[in-house]
Amino acid sequence: MAGTRDKPEDVVLKLRQVEVLQGQGMGIAGAVRQIGVSQQTYYRWRKQYGGMTRDQLNG
């Protein structure tokens, strides 16, 4: 079952959302589940987009 691909801007926002949830004391598994992706996808996104901002994606 294929899903829709998230735009890079959306990926960066979701990665930031996980960081915020972790800062509030939630574990990785719960934070990733809350944004609606698997842990494998989260780690792949973090490797590819980690540390980027939305402005860096456009420029």
PDB file of N, CA and C in Angstrom:
ATOM      1  N   MET A   1       0.841  -1.174   0.000  1.00  0.00           N
ATOM      2  CA  MET A   1       0.000   0.000   0.000  1.00  0.00           C
ATOM      3  C   MET A   1       0.887   1.238   0.000  1.00  0.00           C
ATOM      4  N   ALA A   2       0.863   1.964  -1.086  1.00  0.00           N
ATOM      5  CA  ALA A   2       1.710   3.137  -1.235  1.00  0.00           C
ATOM      6  C   ALA A   2       1.014   4.369  -0.663  1.00  0.00           C
ATOM      7  N   GLY A   3       1.776   5.159   0.034  1.00  0.00           N
ATOM      8  CA  GLY A   3       1.242   6.398   0.583  1.00  0.00           C
ATOM      9  C   GLY A   3       1.658   7.573  -0.280  1.00  0.00           C
ATOM     10  N   THR A   4       1.221   8.747   0.099  1.00  0.00           N
ATOM     11  CA  THR A   4       1.627   9.935  -0.629  1.00  0.00           C
ATOM     12  C   THR A   4       2.954  10.413  -0.079  1.00  0.00           C
ATOM     13  N   ARG A   5       3.742  10.984  -0.930  1.00  0.00           N
ATOM     14  CA  ARG A   5       5.030  11.496  -0.487  1.00  0.00           C
ATOM     15  C   ARG A   5       4.854  12.873   0.128  1.00  0.00           C
ATOM     16  N   ASP A   6       5.571  13.084   1.211  1.00  0.00           N
ATOM     17  CA  ASP A   6       5.536  14.397   1.849  1.00  0.00           C
ATOM     18  C   ASP A   6       6.535  15.309   1.151  1.00  0.00           C
ATOM     19  N   LYS A   7       6.179  16.574   1.041  1.00  0.00           N
ATOM     20  CA  LYS A   7       7.083  17.560   0.468  1.00  0.00           C
ATOM     21  C   LYS A   7       8.211  17.798   1.457  1.00  0.00           C
ATOM     22  N   PRO A   8       9.398  18.159   0.973  1.00  0.00           N
ATOM     23  CA  PRO A   8      10.518  18.420   1.899  1.00  0.00           C
ATOM     24  C   PRO A   8      10.182  19.428   2.981  1.00  0.00           C
ATOM     25  N   GLU A   9       9.376  20.425   2.647  1.00  0.00           N
ATOM     26  CA  GLU A   9       8.992  21.426   3.657  1.00  0.00           C
ATOM     27  C   GLU A   9       8.175  20.785   4.772  1.00  0.00           C
ATOM     28  N   ASP A  10       7.296  19.856   4.388  1.00  0.00           N
ATOM     29  CA  ASP A  10       6.479  19.157   5.375  1.00  0.00           C
ATOM     30  C   ASP A  10       7.332  18.237   6.239  1.00  0.00           C
ATOM     31  N   VAL A  11       8.321  17.612   5.617  1.00  0.00           N
ATOM     32  CA  VAL A  11       9.216  16.713   6.354  1.00  0.00           C
ATOM     33  C   VAL A  11       9.967  17.482   7.428  1.00  0.00           C
ATOM     34  N   VAL A  12      10.489  18.649   7.071  1.00  0.00           N
ATOM     35  CA  VAL A  12      11.230  19.469   8.037  1.00  0.00           C
ATOM     36  C   VAL A  12      10.319  19.874   9.190  1.00  0.00           C
ATOM     37  N   LEU A  13       9.076  20.221   8.879  1.00  0.00           N
ATOM     38  CA  LEU A  13       8.129  20.593   9.943  1.00  0.00           C
ATOM     39  C   LEU A  13       7.835  19.411  10.866  1.00  0.00           C
ATOM     40  N   LYS A  14       7.693  18.223  10.288  1.00  0.00           N
ATOM     41  CA  LYS A  14       7.429  17.031  11.111  1.00  0.00           C
ATOM     42  C   LYS A  14       8.634  16.678  11.975  1.00  0.00           C
ATOM     43  N   LEU A  15       9.842  16.833  11.429  1.00  0.00           N
ATOM     44  CA  LEU A  15      11.041  16.578  12.232  1.00  0.00           C
ATOM     45  C   LEU A  15      11.105  17.550  13.405  1.00  0.00           C
ATOM     46  N   ARG A  16      10.766  18.789  13.154  1.00  0.00           N
ATOM     47  CA  ARG A  16      10.754  19.792  14.222  1.00  0.00           C
ATOM     48  C   ARG A  16       9.696  19.454  15.270  1.00  0.00           C
ATOM     49  N   GLN A  17       8.553  18.954  14.800  1.00  0.00           N
ATOM     50  CA  GLN A  17       7.475  18.580  15.713  1.00  0.00           C
ATOM     51  C   GLN A  17       7.926  17.451  16.641  1.00  0.00           C
ATOM     52  N   VAL A  18       8.685  16.493  16.114  1.00  0.00           N
ATOM     53  CA  VAL A  18       9.199  15.406  16.951  1.00  0.00           C
ATOM     54  C   VAL A  18      10.151  15.965  17.996  1.00  0.00           C
ATOM     55  N   GLU A  19      11.000  16.919  17.604  1.00  0.00           N
ATOM     56  CA  GLU A  19      11.917  17.538  18.568  1.00  0.00           C
ATOM     57  C   GLU A  19      11.154  18.203  19.708  1.00  0.00           C
ATOM     58  N   VAL A  20      10.086  18.893  19.368  1.00  0.00           N
ATOM     59  CA  VAL A  20       9.274  19.577  20.382  1.00  0.00           C
ATOM     60  C   VAL A  20       8.644  18.555  21.326  1.00  0.00           C
ATOM     61  N   LEU A  21       8.089  17.495  20.758  1.00  0.00           N
ATOM     62  CA  LEU A  21       7.458  16.463  21.586  1.00  0.00           C
ATOM     63  C   LEU A  21       8.476  15.800  22.508  1.00  0.00           C
ATOM     64  N   GLN A  22       9.683  15.581  22.002  1.00  0.00           N
ATOM     65  CA  GLN A  22      10.726  15.007  22.849  1.00  0.00           C
ATOM     66  C   GLN A  22      11.103  15.965  23.969  1.00  0.00           C
ATOM     67  N   GLY A  23      11.110  17.231  23.679  1.00  0.00           N
ATOM     68  CA  GLY A  23      11.402  18.232  24.700  1.00  0.00           C
ATOM     69  C   GLY A  23      10.357  18.268  25.796  1.00  0.00           C
ATOM     70  N   GLN A  24       9.156  17.839  25.466  1.00  0.00           N
ATOM     71  CA  GLN A  24       8.078  17.783  26.442  1.00  0.00           C
ATOM     72  C   GLN A  24       8.076  16.463  27.208  1.00  0.00           C
ATOM     73  N   GLY A  25       9.076  15.619  26.940  1.00  0.00           N
ATOM     74  CA  GLY A  25       9.214  14.387  27.697  1.00  0.00           C
ATOM     75  C   GLY A  25       8.694  13.139  27.012  1.00  0.00           C
ATOM     76  N   MET A  26       8.219  13.250  25.797  1.00  0.00           N
ATOM     77  CA  MET A  26       7.714  12.079  25.088  1.00  0.00           C
ATOM     78  C   MET A  26       8.887  11.326  24.459  1.00  0.00           C
ATOM     79  N   GLY A  27       8.789  10.023  24.405  1.00  0.00           N
ATOM     80  CA  GLY A  27       9.826   9.203  23.798  1.00  0.00           C
ATOM     81  C   GLY A  27       9.753   9.251  22.281  1.00  0.00           C
ATOM     82  N   ILE A  28      10.808   8.740  21.644  1.00  0.00           N
ATOM     83  CA  ILE A  28      10.868   8.723  20.176  1.00  0.00           C
ATOM     84  C   ILE A  28       9.675   7.974  19.595  1.00  0.00           C
ATOM     85  N   ALA A  29       9.398   6.795  20.118  1.00  0.00           N
ATOM     86  CA  ALA A  29       8.330   5.964  19.555  1.00  0.00           C
ATOM     87  C   ALA A  29       6.991   6.689  19.589  1.00  0.00           C
ATOM     88  N   GLY A  30       6.673   7.314  20.696  1.00  0.00           N
ATOM     89  CA  GLY A  30       5.402   8.026  20.811  1.00  0.00           C
ATOM     90  C   GLY A  30       5.341   9.261  19.933  1.00  0.00           C
ATOM     91  N   ALA A  31       6.447  10.003  19.867  1.00  0.00           N
ATOM     92  CA  ALA A  31       6.480  11.220  19.056  1.00  0.00           C
ATOM     93  C   ALA A  31       6.344  10.896  17.578  1.00  0.00           C
ATOM     94  N   VAL A  32       7.037   9.854  17.135  1.00  0.00           N
ATOM     95  CA  VAL A  32       6.978   9.459  15.727  1.00  0.00           C
ATOM     96  C   VAL A  32       5.585   8.950  15.381  1.00  0.00           C
ATOM     97  N   ARG A  33       4.994   8.208  16.291  1.00  0.00           N
ATOM     98  CA  ARG A  33       3.635   7.706  16.072  1.00  0.00           C
ATOM     99  C   ARG A  33       2.650   8.872  15.959  1.00  0.00           C
ATOM    100  N   GLN A  34       2.882   9.917  16.740  1.00  0.00           N
ATOM    101  CA  GLN A  34       1.971  11.056  16.734  1.00  0.00           C
ATOM    102  C   GLN A  34       2.023  11.826  15.410  1.00  0.00           C
ATOM    103  N   ILE A  35       3.189  11.876  14.750  1.00  0.00           N
ATOM    104  CA  ILE A  35       3.252  12.575  13.461  1.00  0.00           C
ATOM    105  C   ILE A  35       2.822  11.667  12.313  1.00  0.00           C
ATOM    106  N   GLY A  36       2.608  10.381  12.594  1.00  0.00           N
ATOM    107  CA  GLY A  36       2.021   9.493  11.601  1.00  0.00           C
ATOM    108  C   GLY A  36       2.980   8.808  10.662  1.00  0.00           C
ATOM    109  N   VAL A  37       4.222   8.583  11.095  1.00  0.00           N
ATOM    110  CA  VAL A  37       5.176   7.847  10.267  1.00  0.00           C
ATOM    111  C   VAL A  37       5.828   6.746  11.095  1.00  0.00           C
ATOM    112  N   SER A  38       6.525   5.843  10.420  1.00  0.00           N
ATOM    113  CA  SER A  38       7.230   4.784  11.131  1.00  0.00           C
ATOM    114  C   SER A  38       8.570   5.317  11.647  1.00  0.00           C
ATOM    115  N   GLN A  39       9.150   4.586  12.576  1.00  0.00           N
ATOM    116  CA  GLN A  39      10.459   4.993  13.092  1.00  0.00           C
ATOM    117  C   GLN A  39      11.504   4.940  11.985  1.00  0.00           C
ATOM    118  N   GLN A  40      11.396   3.964  11.103  1.00  0.00           N
ATOM    119  CA  GLN A  40      12.343   3.852   9.998  1.00  0.00           C
ATOM    120  C   GLN A  40      12.284   5.095   9.106  1.00  0.00           C
ATOM    121  N   THR A  41      11.074   5.539   8.809  1.00  0.00           N
ATOM    122  CA  THR A  41      10.906   6.749   7.995  1.00  0.00           C
ATOM    123  C   THR A  41      11.471   7.957   8.720  1.00  0.00           C
ATOM    124  N   TYR A  42      11.206   8.054  10.010  1.00  0.00           N
ATOM    125  CA  TYR A  42      11.720   9.173  10.796  1.00  0.00           C
ATOM    126  C   TYR A  42      13.241   9.239  10.729  1.00  0.00           C
ATOM    127  N   TYR A  43      13.895   8.098  10.948  1.00  0.00           N
ATOM    128  CA  TYR A  43      15.354   8.092  10.935  1.00  0.00           C
ATOM    129  C   TYR A  43      15.901   8.378   9.545  1.00  0.00           C
ATOM    130  N   ARG A  44      15.236   7.921   8.484  1.00  0.00           N
ATOM    131  CA  ARG A  44      15.666   8.216   7.126  1.00  0.00           C
ATOM    132  C   ARG A  44      15.540   9.712   6.850  1.00  0.00           C
ATOM    133  N   TRP A  45      14.408  10.305   7.256  1.00  0.00           N
ATOM    134  CA  TRP A  45      14.211  11.738   7.078  1.00  0.00           C
ATOM    135  C   TRP A  45      15.246  12.526   7.862  1.00  0.00           C
ATOM    136  N   ARG A  46      15.523  12.103   9.087  1.00  0.00           N
ATOM    137  CA  ARG A  46      16.478  12.821   9.926  1.00  0.00           C
ATOM    138  C   ARG A  46      17.864  12.804   9.299  1.00  0.00           C
ATOM    139  N   LYS A  47      18.211  11.676   8.696  1.00  0.00           N
ATOM    140  CA  LYS A  47      19.509  11.563   8.034  1.00  0.00           C
ATOM    141  C   LYS A  47      19.580  12.481   6.821  1.00  0.00           C
ATOM    142  N   GLN A  48      18.479  12.565   6.079  1.00  0.00           N
ATOM    143  CA  GLN A  48      18.455  13.347   4.857  1.00  0.00           C
ATOM    144  C   GLN A  48      18.235  14.839   5.103  1.00  0.00           C
ATOM    145  N   TYR A  49      17.313  15.176   5.998  1.00  0.00           N
ATOM    146  CA  TYR A  49      16.904  16.569   6.190  1.00  0.00           C
ATOM    147  C   TYR A  49      17.282  17.151   7.545  1.00  0.00           C
ATOM    148  N   GLY A  50      17.880  16.372   8.412  1.00  0.00           N
ATOM    149  CA  GLY A  50      18.168  16.821   9.764  1.00  0.00           C
ATOM    150  C   GLY A  50      18.996  18.098   9.802  1.00  0.00           C
ATOM    151  N   GLY A  51      18.568  19.042  10.602  1.00  0.00           N
ATOM    152  CA  GLY A  51      19.296  20.287  10.757  1.00  0.00           C
ATOM    153  C   GLY A  51      18.949  21.349   9.729  1.00  0.00           C
ATOM    154  N   MET A  52      18.119  21.014   8.747  1.00  0.00           N
ATOM    155  CA  MET A  52      17.740  21.995   7.731  1.00  0.00           C
ATOM    156  C   MET A  52      16.545  22.807   8.212  1.00  0.00           C
ATOM    157  N   THR A  53      16.451  24.004   7.675  1.00  0.00           N
ATOM    158  CA  THR A  53      15.267  24.826   7.907  1.00  0.00           C
ATOM    159  C   THR A  53      14.515  24.934   6.584  1.00  0.00           C
ATOM    160  N   ARG A  54      13.301  25.424   6.642  1.00  0.00           N
ATOM    161  CA  ARG A  54      12.512  25.565   5.412  1.00  0.00           C
ATOM    162  C   ARG A  54      13.191  26.511   4.429  1.00  0.00           C
ATOM    163  N   ASP A  55      13.866  27.537   4.934  1.00  0.00           N
ATOM    164  CA  ASP A  55      14.554  28.492   4.065  1.00  0.00           C
ATOM    165  C   ASP A  55      15.700  27.824   3.301  1.00  0.00           C
ATOM    166  N   GLN A  56      16.389  26.907   3.923  1.00  0.00           N
ATOM    167  CA  GLN A  56      17.505  26.227   3.272  1.00  0.00           C
ATOM    168  C   GLN A  56      17.034  25.308   2.140  1.00  0.00           C
ATOM    169  N   LEU A  57      15.820  24.813   2.221  1.00  0.00           N
ATOM    170  CA  LEU A  57      15.306  23.941   1.175  1.00  0.00           C
ATOM    171  C   LEU A  57      15.079  24.696  -0.123  1.00  0.00           C
ATOM    172  N   ASN A  58      14.694  25.947  -0.021  1.00  0.00           N
ATOM    173  CA  ASN A  58      14.377  26.735  -1.211  1.00  0.00           C
ATOM    174  C   ASN A  58      15.612  27.357  -1.853  1.00  0.00           C
ATOM    175  N   GLY A  59      16.657  27.512  -1.086  1.00  0.00           N
ATOM    176  CA  GLY A  59      17.825  28.222  -1.608  1.00  0.00           C
ATOM    177  C   GLY A  59      18.921  27.342  -1.864  1.00  0.00           C
TER     178      GLY A  59
END
